[in-house]
Amino acid sequence: MIQEQQPGINMDITLSLAPLIALIAGVLILVAPKLLNYIVAGYLIVFGLIGLFGANNLGF
């Protein structure tokens, strides 16, 4: 009798960069509201660079 293999469930976990940075920025703003300008500026710079060069070229 030949046993048939049941198809396994493959789960891929991917980590997106945008939600991770947004989460870190939100926590930093809650902890130190005076850093808001710097956090927003850094966020915009990072996503501007990702938009120009693409996330694949940055090694993420």
Protein backbone atom coordinates (compact mmCIF):
# COMPACT_ATOMS: atom_id res chain seq x y z
CA MET A 1 0.00 0.00 0.00
CA ILE A 2 1.40 3.34 -1.05
CA GLN A 3 0.90 6.19 1.37
CA GLU A 4 0.13 9.55 -0.07
CA GLN A 5 1.98 12.47 1.43
CA GLN A 6 -0.22 15.21 2.67
CA PRO A 7 0.77 18.63 1.47
CA GLY A 8 2.45 20.57 4.23
CA ILE A 9 1.57 24.08 5.14
CA ASN A 10 4.38 26.44 4.28
CA MET A 11 4.46 29.65 6.27
CA ASP A 12 6.71 32.44 5.16
CA ILE A 13 7.30 35.28 7.56
CA THR A 14 8.44 38.48 5.93
CA LEU A 15 9.40 41.63 7.73
CA SER A 16 8.53 44.84 5.98
CA LEU A 17 10.72 47.82 6.62
CA ALA A 18 8.01 50.50 6.69
CA PRO A 19 5.89 49.16 9.56
CA LEU A 20 8.99 48.41 11.63
CA ILE A 21 10.34 51.94 11.27
CA ALA A 22 6.89 53.41 11.93
CA LEU A 23 6.56 51.35 15.11
CA ILE A 24 9.99 52.42 16.38
CA ALA A 25 9.26 56.06 15.54
CA GLY A 26 5.91 55.91 17.35
CA VAL A 27 7.47 54.48 20.49
CA LEU A 28 10.23 57.07 20.45
CA ILE A 29 7.69 59.88 20.09
CA LEU A 30 5.74 58.54 23.08
CA VAL A 31 8.89 58.23 25.19
CA ALA A 32 10.50 61.53 24.21
CA PRO A 33 8.08 63.96 22.51
CA LYS A 34 10.80 66.59 22.13
CA LEU A 35 12.45 64.34 19.53
CA LEU A 36 9.44 64.56 17.22
CA ASN A 37 11.13 66.82 14.65
CA TYR A 38 14.20 64.60 14.42
CA ILE A 39 12.18 61.40 14.23
CA VAL A 40 9.95 62.74 11.45
CA ALA A 41 12.96 64.08 9.54
CA GLY A 42 14.78 60.76 9.82
CA TYR A 43 11.67 58.86 8.74
CA LEU A 44 11.25 61.05 5.66
CA ILE A 45 14.92 60.76 4.73
CA VAL A 46 14.94 56.97 5.07
CA PHE A 47 11.82 56.49 2.98
CA GLY A 48 12.96 59.05 0.44
CA LEU A 49 16.17 57.06 -0.06
CA ILE A 50 14.26 53.79 -0.25
CA GLY A 51 11.91 55.33 -2.80
CA LEU A 52 14.78 56.58 -4.94
CA PHE A 53 17.05 53.55 -4.83
CA GLY A 54 14.68 50.75 -3.89
CA ALA A 55 14.87 48.52 -0.83
CA ASN A 56 16.60 45.71 -2.75
CA ASN A 57 19.62 47.89 -3.53
CA LEU A 58 20.06 48.85 0.13
CA GLY A 59 20.47 45.26 1.28
CA PHE A 60 17.13 44.89 3.06
